[in-house]
C-alpha atoms as a PDB file:
ATOM      1  CA  MET A   1      15.197 -68.941 180.134  1.00  0.00           C
ATOM      2  CA  LYS A   2      12.276 -66.972 181.523  1.00  0.00           C
ATOM      3  CA  HIS A   3       8.907 -67.552 179.907  1.00  0.00           C
ATOM      4  CA  PRO A   4       5.604 -65.647 180.118  1.00  0.00           C
ATOM      5  CA  LYS A   5       3.128 -67.058 182.622  1.00  0.00           C
ATOM      6  CA  ILE A   6      -0.584 -67.590 182.765  1.00  0.00           C
ATOM      7  CA  LEU A   7      -1.192 -65.165 185.616  1.00  0.00           C
ATOM      8  CA  GLY A   8      -4.889 -65.847 186.070  1.00  0.00           C
ATOM      9  CA  LEU A   9      -7.793 -67.805 184.612  1.00  0.00           C
ATOM     10  CA  GLY A  10     -11.479 -66.905 184.399  1.00  0.00           C
ATOM     11  CA  LEU A  11     -14.307 -69.327 183.566  1.00  0.00           C
ATOM     12  CA  GLY A  12     -17.951 -68.688 182.742  1.00  0.00           C
ATOM     13  CA  VAL A  13     -21.075 -70.598 181.730  1.00  0.00           C
ATOM     14  CA  PRO A  14     -24.577 -69.420 180.736  1.00  0.00           C
ATOM     15  CA  SER A  15     -27.475 -69.556 183.161  1.00  0.00           C
ATOM     16  CA  PHE A  16     -29.390 -72.551 181.781  1.00  0.00           C
ATOM     17  CA  GLU A  17     -28.209 -75.869 183.226  1.00  0.00           C
ATOM     18  CA  TYR A  18     -29.517 -79.257 182.074  1.00  0.00           C
ATOM     19  CA  THR A  19     -28.696 -82.864 182.780  1.00  0.00           C
ATOM     20  CA  GLN A  20     -27.740 -84.970 179.788  1.00  0.00           C
ATOM     21  CA  SER A  21     -31.126 -86.693 179.797  1.00  0.00           C
ATOM     22  CA  GLU A  22     -32.949 -83.328 179.943  1.00  0.00           C
ATOM     23  CA  ILE A  23     -31.024 -82.079 176.907  1.00  0.00           C
ATOM     24  CA  TYR A  24     -32.005 -85.208 175.035  1.00  0.00           C
ATOM     25  CA  GLU A  25     -35.669 -84.766 175.917  1.00  0.00           C
ATOM     26  CA  ARG A  26     -35.888 -80.988 175.294  1.00  0.00           C
ATOM     27  CA  PHE A  27     -33.448 -80.424 172.410  1.00  0.00           C
ATOM     28  CA  LEU A  28     -33.494 -83.571 170.337  1.00  0.00           C
ATOM     29  CA  GLN A  29     -36.297 -86.010 171.123  1.00  0.00           C
ATOM     30  CA  PRO A  30     -39.067 -83.839 169.562  1.00  0.00           C
ATOM     31  CA  HIS A  31     -37.252 -84.104 166.211  1.00  0.00           C
ATOM     32  CA  LEU A  32     -36.353 -87.790 166.254  1.00  0.00           C
ATOM     33  CA  GLY A  33     -37.815 -90.211 163.804  1.00  0.00           C
ATOM     34  CA  THR A  34     -36.870 -93.869 164.076  1.00  0.00           C
ATOM     35  CA  ASN A  35     -33.356 -93.434 165.463  1.00  0.00           C
ATOM     36  CA  ARG A  36     -33.535 -95.726 168.491  1.00  0.00           C
ATOM     37  CA  ARG A  37     -29.804 -95.427 169.189  1.00  0.00           C
ATOM     38  CA  ALA A  38     -30.056 -91.741 170.086  1.00  0.00           C
ATOM     39  CA  ARG A  39     -30.779 -92.148 173.795  1.00  0.00           C
ATOM     40  CA  VAL A  40     -28.005 -94.745 174.104  1.00  0.00           C
ATOM     41  CA  LEU A  41     -25.520 -92.402 172.429  1.00  0.00           C
ATOM     42  CA  PHE A  42     -26.463 -89.650 174.868  1.00  0.00           C
ATOM     43  CA  GLN A  43     -26.108 -91.974 177.866  1.00  0.00           C
ATOM     44  CA  ARG A  44     -22.672 -93.201 176.763  1.00  0.00           C
ATOM     45  CA  ALA A  45     -21.179 -89.766 176.081  1.00  0.00           C
ATOM     46  CA  GLY A  46     -19.615 -89.506 179.559  1.00  0.00           C
ATOM     47  CA  ILE A  47     -21.513 -86.277 180.271  1.00  0.00           C
ATOM     48  CA  GLN A  48     -23.644 -85.596 183.331  1.00  0.00           C
ATOM     49  CA  ARG A  49     -24.728 -81.997 182.669  1.00  0.00           C
ATOM     50  CA  ARG A  50     -24.236 -79.089 180.261  1.00  0.00           C
ATOM     51  CA  PHE A  51     -24.928 -75.362 180.212  1.00  0.00           C
ATOM     52  CA  THR A  52     -26.747 -73.570 177.385  1.00  0.00           C
ATOM     53  CA  ALA A  53     -27.363 -69.958 176.414  1.00  0.00           C
ATOM     54  CA  THR A  54     -31.064 -70.553 175.738  1.00  0.00           C
ATOM     55  CA  ALA A  55     -33.859 -72.602 177.275  1.00  0.00           C
ATOM     56  CA  GLY A  56     -34.423 -76.055 175.845  1.00  0.00           C
ATOM     57  CA  GLU A  57     -37.643 -74.976 174.146  1.00  0.00           C
ATOM     58  CA  TYR A  58     -35.642 -72.594 171.920  1.00  0.00           C
ATOM     59  CA  HIS A  59     -34.980 -75.457 169.529  1.00  0.00           C
ATOM     60  CA  ASN A  60     -38.590 -76.523 169.196  1.00  0.00           C
ATOM     61  CA  THR A  61     -39.057 -73.734 166.636  1.00  0.00           C
ATOM     62  CA  PHE A  62     -37.234 -73.286 163.332  1.00  0.00           C
ATOM     63  CA  ARG A  63     -34.315 -70.856 163.655  1.00  0.00           C
ATOM     64  CA  GLY A  64     -32.434 -69.396 160.709  1.00  0.00           C
ATOM     65  CA  THR A  65     -28.764 -68.441 160.733  1.00  0.00           C
ATOM     66  CA  GLU A  66     -29.452 -64.728 161.270  1.00  0.00           C
ATOM     67  CA  GLU A  67     -31.579 -65.333 164.343  1.00  0.00           C
ATOM     68  CA  ARG A  68     -29.032 -67.746 165.820  1.00  0.00           C
ATOM     69  CA  ASN A  69     -26.232 -65.250 165.283  1.00  0.00           C
ATOM     70  CA  LEU A  70     -28.214 -62.391 166.823  1.00  0.00           C
ATOM     71  CA  THR A  71     -28.813 -64.618 169.838  1.00  0.00           C
ATOM     72  CA  PHE A  72     -25.102 -65.343 170.016  1.00  0.00           C
ATOM     73  CA  MET A  73     -24.170 -61.664 170.135  1.00  0.00           C
ATOM     74  CA  ARG A  74     -26.836 -60.900 172.728  1.00  0.00           C
ATOM     75  CA  GLU A  75     -25.763 -63.711 175.043  1.00  0.00           C
ATOM     76  CA  ALA A  76     -22.004 -63.770 174.385  1.00  0.00           C
ATOM     77  CA  LEU A  77     -21.378 -60.135 175.298  1.00  0.00           C
ATOM     78  CA  PRO A  78     -22.286 -60.290 179.025  1.00  0.00           C
ATOM     79  CA  LEU A  79     -20.864 -63.796 179.408  1.00  0.00           C
ATOM     80  CA  GLY A  80     -17.582 -62.798 177.764  1.00  0.00           C
ATOM     81  CA  ALA A  81     -17.234 -59.592 179.742  1.00  0.00           C
ATOM     82  CA  GLN A  82     -17.870 -61.348 183.078  1.00  0.00           C
ATOM     83  CA  THR A  83     -15.402 -64.105 182.228  1.00  0.00           C
ATOM     84  CA  ALA A  84     -12.676 -61.675 181.176  1.00  0.00           C
ATOM     85  CA  GLN A  85     -13.150 -59.710 184.396  1.00  0.00           C
ATOM     86  CA  ARG A  86     -12.754 -62.907 186.419  1.00  0.00           C
ATOM     87  CA  ALA A  87      -9.403 -63.542 184.726  1.00  0.00           C
ATOM     88  CA  LEU A  88      -8.262 -59.989 185.467  1.00  0.00           C
ATOM     89  CA  SER A  89      -9.248 -60.376 189.113  1.00  0.00           C
ATOM     90  CA  ALA A  90      -7.505 -63.745 189.399  1.00  0.00           C
ATOM     91  CA  ALA A  91      -4.333 -62.214 187.946  1.00  0.00           C
ATOM     92  CA  GLN A  92      -4.656 -59.169 190.233  1.00  0.00           C
ATOM     93  CA  ARG A  93      -4.653 -56.873 187.223  1.00  0.00           C
ATOM     94  CA  VAL A  94      -6.955 -54.039 186.185  1.00  0.00           C
ATOM     95  CA  PRO A  95      -8.229 -53.220 182.675  1.00  0.00           C
ATOM     96  CA  ARG A  96      -5.639 -50.490 182.040  1.00  0.00           C
ATOM     97  CA  ASP A  97      -2.876 -53.096 182.523  1.00  0.00           C
ATOM     98  CA  ILE A  98      -3.878 -54.930 179.337  1.00  0.00           C
ATOM     99  CA  ASP A  99      -1.916 -54.150 176.160  1.00  0.00           C
ATOM    100  CA  GLN A 100      -3.239 -56.876 173.847  1.00  0.00           C
ATOM    101  CA  PHE A 101      -6.694 -58.503 173.738  1.00  0.00           C
ATOM    102  CA  SER A 102      -7.605 -61.600 171.716  1.00  0.00           C
ATOM    103  CA  VAL A 103     -11.144 -62.927 171.281  1.00  0.00           C
ATOM    104  CA  ILE A 104     -11.756 -66.463 170.052  1.00  0.00           C
ATOM    105  CA  SER A 105     -14.951 -68.029 168.705  1.00  0.00           C
ATOM    106  CA  CYS A 106     -16.310 -70.263 165.975  1.00  0.00           C
ATOM    107  CA  THR A 107     -19.994 -70.084 166.964  1.00  0.00           C
ATOM    108  CA  GLY A 108     -20.816 -66.437 166.236  1.00  0.00           C
ATOM    109  CA  TYR A 109     -19.664 -63.500 164.136  1.00  0.00           C
ATOM    110  CA  ASP A 110     -20.473 -59.843 163.684  1.00  0.00           C
ATOM    111  CA  LEU A 111     -18.808 -56.476 163.046  1.00  0.00           C
ATOM    112  CA  PRO A 112     -17.930 -54.793 165.315  1.00  0.00           C
ATOM    113  CA  PHE A 113     -17.242 -58.062 167.120  1.00  0.00           C
ATOM    114  CA  LEU A 114     -16.893 -58.915 170.797  1.00  0.00           C
ATOM    115  CA  ASP A 115     -13.312 -57.617 170.963  1.00  0.00           C
ATOM    116  CA  LEU A 116     -14.411 -53.996 170.571  1.00  0.00           C
ATOM    117  CA  GLN A 117     -17.645 -54.331 172.504  1.00  0.00           C
ATOM    118  CA  ILE A 118     -16.110 -56.101 175.505  1.00  0.00           C
ATOM    119  CA  ALA A 119     -13.046 -53.830 175.492  1.00  0.00           C
ATOM    120  CA  GLY A 120     -15.337 -50.820 175.779  1.00  0.00           C
ATOM    121  CA  GLN A 121     -17.495 -52.425 178.449  1.00  0.00           C
ATOM    122  CA  LEU A 122     -14.483 -53.396 180.589  1.00  0.00           C
ATOM    123  CA  GLY A 123     -12.742 -50.069 180.133  1.00  0.00           C
ATOM    124  CA  LEU A 124      -9.654 -51.374 178.353  1.00  0.00           C
ATOM    125  CA  ARG A 125      -7.279 -48.717 177.006  1.00  0.00           C
ATOM    126  CA  ARG A 126      -7.916 -46.993 173.670  1.00  0.00           C
ATOM    127  CA  ASP A 127      -4.416 -47.867 172.405  1.00  0.00           C
ATOM    128  CA  LEU A 128      -5.205 -51.559 172.952  1.00  0.00           C
ATOM    129  CA  ARG A 129      -3.991 -54.020 170.303  1.00  0.00           C
ATOM    130  CA  ARG A 130      -6.728 -56.483 169.352  1.00  0.00           C
ATOM    131  CA  THR A 131      -6.843 -59.838 167.576  1.00  0.00           C
ATOM    132  CA  CYS A 132      -9.826 -61.987 166.579  1.00  0.00           C
ATOM    133  CA  ILE A 133      -9.262 -65.717 166.109  1.00  0.00           C
ATOM    134  CA  LEU A 134     -12.364 -66.982 164.328  1.00  0.00           C
ATOM    135  CA  GLY A 135     -13.425 -70.224 162.702  1.00  0.00           C
ATOM    136  CA  MET A 136     -10.658 -72.460 164.098  1.00  0.00           C
ATOM    137  CA  GLY A 137     -12.833 -74.649 166.315  1.00  0.00           C
ATOM    138  CA  CYS A 138     -11.842 -76.668 169.361  1.00  0.00           C
ATOM    139  CA  TYR A 139      -8.087 -76.031 169.212  1.00  0.00           C
ATOM    140  CA  ALA A 140      -8.322 -72.235 168.834  1.00  0.00           C
ATOM    141  CA  ALA A 141      -7.231 -71.442 172.416  1.00  0.00           C
ATOM    142  CA  PHE A 142      -3.738 -72.562 171.447  1.00  0.00           C
ATOM    143  CA  PRO A 143      -3.203 -69.934 168.724  1.00  0.00           C
ATOM    144  CA  GLY A 144      -4.592 -67.479 171.274  1.00  0.00           C
ATOM    145  CA  LEU A 145      -2.006 -68.504 173.860  1.00  0.00           C
ATOM    146  CA  VAL A 146       0.775 -68.338 171.275  1.00  0.00           C
ATOM    147  CA  ARG A 147      -0.308 -64.847 170.215  1.00  0.00           C
ATOM    148  CA  ALA A 148      -0.309 -63.707 173.853  1.00  0.00           C
ATOM    149  CA  ARG A 149       3.054 -65.356 174.550  1.00  0.00           C
ATOM    150  CA  ASP A 150       4.686 -63.733 171.510  1.00  0.00           C
ATOM    151  CA  VAL A 151       3.382 -60.280 172.450  1.00  0.00           C
ATOM    152  CA  VAL A 152       4.700 -60.547 176.001  1.00  0.00           C
ATOM    153  CA  MET A 153       8.059 -61.965 174.949  1.00  0.00           C
ATOM    154  CA  ALA A 154       8.533 -59.074 172.512  1.00  0.00           C
ATOM    155  CA  ASN A 155       7.421 -56.540 175.150  1.00  0.00           C
ATOM    156  CA  PRO A 156       8.227 -57.931 178.618  1.00  0.00           C
ATOM    157  CA  LYS A 157       6.305 -55.208 180.453  1.00  0.00           C
ATOM    158  CA  HIS A 158       3.109 -55.887 178.501  1.00  0.00           C
ATOM    159  CA  HIS A 159       0.122 -58.010 179.501  1.00  0.00           C
ATOM    160  CA  ALA A 160      -2.180 -59.945 177.163  1.00  0.00           C
ATOM    161  CA  LEU A 161      -5.783 -60.976 177.771  1.00  0.00           C
ATOM    162  CA  MET A 162      -7.222 -63.915 175.847  1.00  0.00           C
ATOM    163  CA  LEU A 163     -10.961 -64.713 175.812  1.00  0.00           C
ATOM    164  CA  SER A 164     -12.829 -67.628 174.258  1.00  0.00           C
ATOM    165  CA  VAL A 165     -16.636 -67.554 173.982  1.00  0.00           C
ATOM    166  CA  GLU A 166     -18.457 -70.520 172.433  1.00  0.00           C
ATOM    167  CA  LEU A 167     -22.233 -70.991 172.363  1.00  0.00           C
ATOM    168  CA  CYS A 168     -22.365 -74.304 170.540  1.00  0.00           C
ATOM    169  CA  SER A 169     -25.938 -75.138 171.523  1.00  0.00           C
ATOM    170  CA  LEU A 170     -27.279 -72.328 169.321  1.00  0.00           C
ATOM    171  CA  HIS A 171     -26.393 -74.479 166.316  1.00  0.00           C
ATOM    172  CA  PHE A 172     -28.111 -77.700 167.379  1.00  0.00           C
ATOM    173  CA  GLN A 173     -29.821 -79.184 164.317  1.00  0.00           C
ATOM    174  CA  PRO A 174     -33.288 -80.810 164.332  1.00  0.00           C
ATOM    175  CA  SER A 175     -32.156 -83.963 162.580  1.00  0.00           C
ATOM    176  CA  ASP A 176     -32.248 -87.632 163.520  1.00  0.00           C
ATOM    177  CA  ASP A 177     -29.182 -88.784 161.559  1.00  0.00           C
ATOM    178  CA  THR A 178     -26.585 -90.515 163.720  1.00  0.00           C
ATOM    179  CA  GLU A 179     -23.794 -88.002 163.116  1.00  0.00           C
ATOM    180  CA  ASN A 180     -26.009 -85.135 164.246  1.00  0.00           C
ATOM    181  CA  VAL A 181     -27.108 -87.094 167.323  1.00  0.00           C
ATOM    182  CA  ILE A 182     -23.454 -87.615 168.308  1.00  0.00           C
ATOM    183  CA  VAL A 183     -22.710 -83.906 167.925  1.00  0.00           C
ATOM    184  CA  SER A 184     -25.827 -82.970 169.911  1.00  0.00           C
ATOM    185  CA  ALA A 185     -24.764 -85.368 172.666  1.00  0.00           C
ATOM    186  CA  LEU A 186     -21.366 -83.680 173.129  1.00  0.00           C
ATOM    187  CA  PHE A 187     -21.399 -79.900 172.814  1.00  0.00           C
ATOM    188  CA  GLY A 188     -22.247 -77.298 175.446  1.00  0.00           C
ATOM    189  CA  ASP A 189     -21.697 -73.568 176.001  1.00  0.00           C
ATOM    190  CA  GLY A 190     -18.978 -71.810 177.944  1.00  0.00           C
ATOM    191  CA  ALA A 191     -16.351 -69.092 178.057  1.00  0.00           C
ATOM    192  CA  ALA A 192     -12.794 -68.978 179.383  1.00  0.00           C
ATOM    193  CA  ALA A 193     -10.172 -66.250 179.689  1.00  0.00           C
ATOM    194  CA  ALA A 194      -6.493 -66.001 180.613  1.00  0.00           C
ATOM    195  CA  VAL A 195      -4.121 -63.155 181.452  1.00  0.00           C
ATOM    196  CA  ILE A 196      -0.532 -63.677 180.274  1.00  0.00           C
ATOM    197  CA  GLY A 197       2.523 -61.733 181.407  1.00  0.00           C
ATOM    198  CA  TYR A 198       5.807 -61.813 183.308  1.00  0.00           C
ATOM    199  CA  ASP A 199       5.607 -61.947 187.092  1.00  0.00           C
ATOM    200  CA  GLU A 200       8.242 -63.542 189.308  1.00  0.00           C
ATOM    201  CA  GLU A 201       5.904 -63.664 192.303  1.00  0.00           C
ATOM    202  CA  ASN A 202       2.968 -65.301 190.513  1.00  0.00           C
ATOM    203  CA  ALA A 203       2.816 -69.109 190.830  1.00  0.00           C
ATOM    204  CA  GLY A 204       1.057 -69.626 187.498  1.00  0.00           C
ATOM    205  CA  PRO A 205       2.400 -71.967 184.799  1.00  0.00           C
ATOM    206  CA  MET A 206       4.964 -70.731 182.271  1.00  0.00           C
ATOM    207  CA  LEU A 207       4.196 -71.058 178.544  1.00  0.00           C
ATOM    208  CA  VAL A 208       7.388 -72.898 177.582  1.00  0.00           C
ATOM    209  CA  ASP A 209       6.672 -74.115 174.050  1.00  0.00           C
ATOM    210  CA  SER A 210       3.948 -75.045 171.567  1.00  0.00           C
ATOM    211  CA  LEU A 211       3.604 -77.164 168.440  1.00  0.00           C
ATOM    212  CA  THR A 212       1.073 -77.471 165.606  1.00  0.00           C
ATOM    213  CA  ARG A 213       0.470 -80.233 163.084  1.00  0.00           C
ATOM    214  CA  CYS A 214      -2.014 -80.056 160.193  1.00  0.00           C
ATOM    215  CA  GLU A 215      -3.203 -83.148 158.323  1.00  0.00           C
ATOM    216  CA  TYR A 216      -4.118 -81.770 154.891  1.00  0.00           C
ATOM    217  CA  ASN A 217      -5.469 -85.089 153.575  1.00  0.00           C
ATOM    218  CA  THR A 218      -8.171 -85.423 156.252  1.00  0.00           C
ATOM    219  CA  LEU A 219     -10.055 -82.149 155.869  1.00  0.00           C
ATOM    220  CA  GLU A 220     -13.400 -83.851 155.333  1.00  0.00           C
ATOM    221  CA  HIS A 221     -13.362 -85.801 158.607  1.00  0.00           C
ATOM    222  CA  MET A 222     -13.976 -82.861 160.947  1.00  0.00           C
ATOM    223  CA  ALA A 223     -15.647 -79.634 159.817  1.00  0.00           C
ATOM    224  CA  PHE A 224     -18.140 -76.926 160.792  1.00  0.00           C
ATOM    225  CA  HIS A 225     -20.098 -75.649 157.783  1.00  0.00           C
ATOM    226  CA  LEU A 226     -22.219 -72.477 157.603  1.00  0.00           C
ATOM    227  CA  THR A 227     -25.718 -73.225 156.314  1.00  0.00           C
ATOM    228  CA  ASP A 228     -29.020 -71.357 156.070  1.00  0.00           C
ATOM    229  CA  HIS A 229     -29.990 -73.049 159.346  1.00  0.00           C
ATOM    230  CA  GLY A 230     -26.910 -72.292 161.439  1.00  0.00           C
ATOM    231  CA  MET A 231     -23.628 -74.166 161.604  1.00  0.00           C
ATOM    232  CA  LYS A 232     -23.590 -77.887 160.811  1.00  0.00           C
ATOM    233  CA  MET A 233     -20.899 -80.060 162.376  1.00  0.00           C
ATOM    234  CA  VAL A 234     -19.220 -82.889 160.473  1.00  0.00           C
ATOM    235  CA  LEU A 235     -17.590 -85.470 162.758  1.00  0.00           C
ATOM    236  CA  SER A 236     -16.400 -88.630 161.051  1.00  0.00           C
ATOM    237  CA  ALA A 237     -16.383 -91.940 162.904  1.00  0.00           C
ATOM    238  CA  TYR A 238     -12.727 -92.289 161.861  1.00  0.00           C
ATOM    239  CA  VAL A 239     -11.542 -89.270 163.868  1.00  0.00           C
ATOM    240  CA  PRO A 240     -10.370 -91.264 166.945  1.00  0.00           C
ATOM    241  CA  GLU A 241      -8.271 -93.618 164.809  1.00  0.00           C
ATOM    242  CA  ILE A 242      -6.742 -90.803 162.743  1.00  0.00           C
ATOM    243  CA  LEU A 243      -5.791 -88.790 165.805  1.00  0.00           C
ATOM    244  CA  GLY A 244      -4.518 -91.851 167.633  1.00  0.00           C
ATOM    245  CA  ALA A 245      -2.300 -92.851 164.731  1.00  0.00           C
ATOM    246  CA  ASN A 246      -0.509 -89.491 164.668  1.00  0.00           C
ATOM    247  CA  ILE A 247      -0.420 -88.395 168.297  1.00  0.00           C
ATOM    248  CA  GLU A 248       2.689 -90.219 169.527  1.00  0.00           C
ATOM    249  CA  GLN A 249       5.187 -88.570 167.194  1.00  0.00           C
ATOM    250  CA  PHE A 250       3.477 -85.227 167.640  1.00  0.00           C
ATOM    251  CA  VAL A 251       3.855 -85.275 171.426  1.00  0.00           C
ATOM    252  CA  ASP A 252       7.369 -86.724 171.310  1.00  0.00           C
ATOM    253  CA  ASP A 253       8.500 -83.973 168.919  1.00  0.00           C
ATOM    254  CA  LEU A 254       7.280 -81.280 171.329  1.00  0.00           C
ATOM    255  CA  LEU A 255       9.022 -82.921 174.273  1.00  0.00           C
ATOM    256  CA  ALA A 256      12.265 -83.817 172.473  1.00  0.00           C
ATOM    257  CA  ARG A 257      13.023 -80.255 171.455  1.00  0.00           C
ATOM    258  CA  ASN A 258      12.765 -79.354 175.144  1.00  0.00           C
ATOM    259  CA  ASP A 259      14.987 -82.306 176.214  1.00  0.00           C
ATOM    260  CA  LEU A 260      12.058 -84.112 177.792  1.00  0.00           C
ATOM    261  CA  LYS A 261      10.342 -87.487 177.564  1.00  0.00           C
ATOM    262  CA  ARG A 262       6.784 -88.499 178.399  1.00  0.00           C
ATOM    263  CA  ALA A 263       7.910 -89.795 181.787  1.00  0.00           C
ATOM    264  CA  ASP A 264       9.011 -86.247 182.688  1.00  0.00           C
ATOM    265  CA  VAL A 265       5.441 -84.929 182.351  1.00  0.00           C
ATOM    266  CA  ARG A 266       3.381 -84.997 185.530  1.00  0.00           C
ATOM    267  CA  PHE A 267       0.165 -83.498 184.157  1.00  0.00           C
ATOM    268  CA  TRP A 268      -1.706 -84.235 180.937  1.00  0.00           C
ATOM    269  CA  GLY A 269      -4.578 -82.058 179.736  1.00  0.00           C
ATOM    270  CA  LEU A 270      -6.455 -83.299 176.680  1.00  0.00           C
ATOM    271  CA  HIS A 271      -9.331 -81.467 175.030  1.00  0.00           C
ATOM    272  CA  PRO A 272     -12.267 -83.785 175.863  1.00  0.00           C
ATOM    273  CA  GLY A 273     -13.713 -84.048 172.386  1.00  0.00           C
ATOM    274  CA  GLY A 274     -15.403 -87.337 173.231  1.00  0.00           C
ATOM    275  CA  LEU A 275     -14.758 -90.524 175.203  1.00  0.00           C
ATOM    276  CA  LYS A 276     -13.605 -92.581 172.204  1.00  0.00           C
ATOM    277  CA  ILE A 277     -11.071 -89.968 171.171  1.00  0.00           C
ATOM    278  CA  MET A 278      -9.727 -89.756 174.719  1.00  0.00           C
ATOM    279  CA  GLN A 279      -9.478 -93.527 175.006  1.00  0.00           C
ATOM    280  CA  HIS A 280      -7.552 -93.852 171.716  1.00  0.00           C
ATOM    281  CA  ILE A 281      -5.067 -91.135 172.634  1.00  0.00           C
ATOM    282  CA  GLU A 282      -4.686 -92.513 176.155  1.00  0.00           C
ATOM    283  CA  ARG A 283      -3.702 -95.913 174.758  1.00  0.00           C
ATOM    284  CA  ARG A 284      -1.317 -94.548 172.113  1.00  0.00           C
ATOM    285  CA  LEU A 285       0.537 -92.352 174.595  1.00  0.00           C
ATOM    286  CA  GLU A 286       0.590 -95.206 177.158  1.00  0.00           C
ATOM    287  CA  LEU A 287      -0.878 -92.960 179.831  1.00  0.00           C
ATOM    288  CA  GLU A 288      -1.981 -94.146 183.267  1.00  0.00           C
ATOM    289  CA  PRO A 289      -5.733 -94.401 183.973  1.00  0.00           C
ATOM    290  CA  ASP A 290      -5.701 -91.244 186.108  1.00  0.00           C
ATOM    291  CA  ASP A 291      -3.642 -89.093 183.724  1.00  0.00           C
ATOM    292  CA  LEU A 292      -6.719 -87.775 181.931  1.00  0.00           C
ATOM    293  CA  LYS A 293      -8.924 -87.434 185.018  1.00  0.00           C
ATOM    294  CA  TYR A 294      -9.005 -83.638 184.695  1.00  0.00           C
ATOM    295  CA  SER A 295     -10.243 -83.871 181.110  1.00  0.00           C
ATOM    296  CA  ARG A 296     -12.841 -86.481 182.028  1.00  0.00           C
ATOM    297  CA  ALA A 297     -14.084 -84.335 184.914  1.00  0.00           C
ATOM    298  CA  VAL A 298     -14.615 -81.347 182.606  1.00  0.00           C
ATOM    299  CA  LEU A 299     -16.385 -83.489 180.003  1.00  0.00           C
ATOM    300  CA  LYS A 300     -18.681 -84.873 182.702  1.00  0.00           C
ATOM    301  CA  GLN A 301     -19.613 -81.480 184.156  1.00  0.00           C
ATOM    302  CA  TYR A 302     -19.654 -79.257 181.047  1.00  0.00           C
ATOM    303  CA  GLY A 303     -19.458 -81.297 177.824  1.00  0.00           C
ATOM    304  CA  ASN A 304     -17.344 -80.115 174.913  1.00  0.00           C
ATOM    305  CA  MET A 305     -17.359 -76.293 174.845  1.00  0.00           C
ATOM    306  CA  SER A 306     -15.135 -76.050 171.766  1.00  0.00           C
ATOM    307  CA  SER A 307     -12.164 -73.682 172.192  1.00  0.00           C
ATOM    308  CA  ALA A 308     -12.981 -72.721 175.798  1.00  0.00           C
ATOM    309  CA  THR A 309     -12.733 -76.294 177.070  1.00  0.00           C
ATOM    310  CA  ILE A 310      -8.964 -76.685 177.403  1.00  0.00           C
ATOM    311  CA  LEU A 311      -8.777 -73.750 179.841  1.00  0.00           C
ATOM    312  CA  PHE A 312     -11.454 -75.449 181.966  1.00  0.00           C
ATOM    313  CA  VAL A 313      -9.194 -78.519 181.953  1.00  0.00           C
ATOM    314  CA  LEU A 314      -6.194 -76.412 182.995  1.00  0.00           C
ATOM    315  CA  ASP A 315      -8.207 -74.839 185.818  1.00  0.00           C
ATOM    316  CA  GLU A 316      -9.300 -78.291 187.011  1.00  0.00           C
ATOM    317  CA  MET A 317      -5.669 -79.424 186.881  1.00  0.00           C
ATOM    318  CA  ILE A 318      -4.474 -76.471 188.965  1.00  0.00           C
ATOM    319  CA  ARG A 319      -7.258 -76.673 191.570  1.00  0.00           C
ATOM    320  CA  CYS A 320      -7.305 -80.439 192.054  1.00  0.00           C
ATOM    321  CA  GLY A 321      -3.784 -81.504 191.029  1.00  0.00           C
ATOM    322  CA  LYS A 322      -1.988 -78.716 192.916  1.00  0.00           C
ATOM    323  CA  PRO A 323       1.133 -78.544 190.687  1.00  0.00           C
ATOM    324  CA  GLU A 324       4.448 -77.826 192.382  1.00  0.00           C
ATOM    325  CA  LYS A 325       7.457 -75.827 191.226  1.00  0.00           C
ATOM    326  CA  GLY A 326       9.247 -77.688 188.421  1.00  0.00           C
ATOM    327  CA  ASP A 327       6.224 -79.766 187.331  1.00  0.00           C
ATOM    328  CA  TYR A 328       5.560 -80.059 183.593  1.00  0.00           C
ATOM    329  CA  ALA A 329       2.185 -80.295 181.870  1.00  0.00           C
ATOM    330  CA  VAL A 330       1.252 -81.013 178.264  1.00  0.00           C
ATOM    331  CA  LEU A 331      -2.019 -79.617 176.908  1.00  0.00           C
ATOM    332  CA  LEU A 332      -3.449 -81.097 173.695  1.00  0.00           C
ATOM    333  CA  ALA A 333      -6.375 -80.207 171.462  1.00  0.00           C
ATOM    334  CA  PHE A 334      -7.606 -80.885 167.948  1.00  0.00           C
ATOM    335  CA  GLY A 335     -10.193 -79.491 165.600  1.00  0.00           C
ATOM    336  CA  PRO A 336     -11.437 -78.899 162.036  1.00  0.00           C
ATOM    337  CA  GLY A 337      -9.299 -80.388 159.295  1.00  0.00           C
ATOM    338  CA  LEU A 338      -7.839 -82.576 162.031  1.00  0.00           C
ATOM    339  CA  THR A 339      -5.360 -79.962 163.113  1.00  0.00           C
ATOM    340  CA  MET A 340      -3.519 -80.884 166.318  1.00  0.00           C
ATOM    341  CA  GLU A 341      -2.224 -78.298 168.777  1.00  0.00           C
ATOM    342  CA  SER A 342      -0.081 -78.688 171.876  1.00  0.00           C
ATOM    343  CA  CYS A 343       1.408 -76.544 174.621  1.00  0.00           C
ATOM    344  CA  LEU A 344       4.151 -77.323 177.145  1.00  0.00           C
ATOM    345  CA  LEU A 345       3.741 -75.697 180.572  1.00  0.00           C
ATOM    346  CA  ARG A 346       6.083 -75.604 183.572  1.00  0.00           C
ATOM    347  CA  TRP A 347       5.454 -74.350 187.089  1.00  0.00           C
END
């Protein structure tokens, strides 16, 4: 069976780049009280640098939700447009080739949103079909890929463009509680885009299958709440154990319905939500030490950029792993409510 392919990827980051220690000193340290563990938590996060949409001093002044959201729209528009254009160029497609455009974010919102504004800026067609995937968090690229895959399978001559823009740093909170310190130590800003379509000549990976699992009894363990002072992240200490306890059957179900086993998978791409989460899942799936090297490399160089991150992992996998025809890859991500998403790729 022929499957739609990811014809090209585009990545983008904002202009401000900080080391992990600089982020601690500029973003968080001015607001710390007696939390002596904060610096240790930052040092042990497995992150070397991150990119942010604003200078570090931005968070030294109180910012309400409206101001943060206005900053998001101002910064996300050029970043998103540049990233989408990079994906088009990588796929050797032009704006008029795109039939469906999806925009993904959980860190900003407005009407008209980025889908209309970026479509106009890029010169996409006026009969363009658009979809916004909002408020789904770190796993949201997967619904975006599924939407694109379904569109192309229903209309084999069509092309879909998917764009994720996340400016997580705009919602950093000036609080010294341990949970907030952990969140502040992980998240960065970034954007990623993909063009999906049929093309026999293109060497990109085929979107073979996908699977979702929602744990309805764990909604309180991972959340992103809107407050008067921006978005506040909830990240329970039990998240690694909960994900680890459920991941084996989840992955095996995806593979079994495609007549595959874990040993048949050459590449593994896990959303790098944090070192502890990666370590738990690595052990439960009995992966080799190098199997998650692409995810660890992205975490080290960019941090957790919410929904955009998994496409950075895929790009790292393609550039450094150099997949060959017939190779399989499994991509995994998770997010609010402890929803798990997966995607099976084949070259």
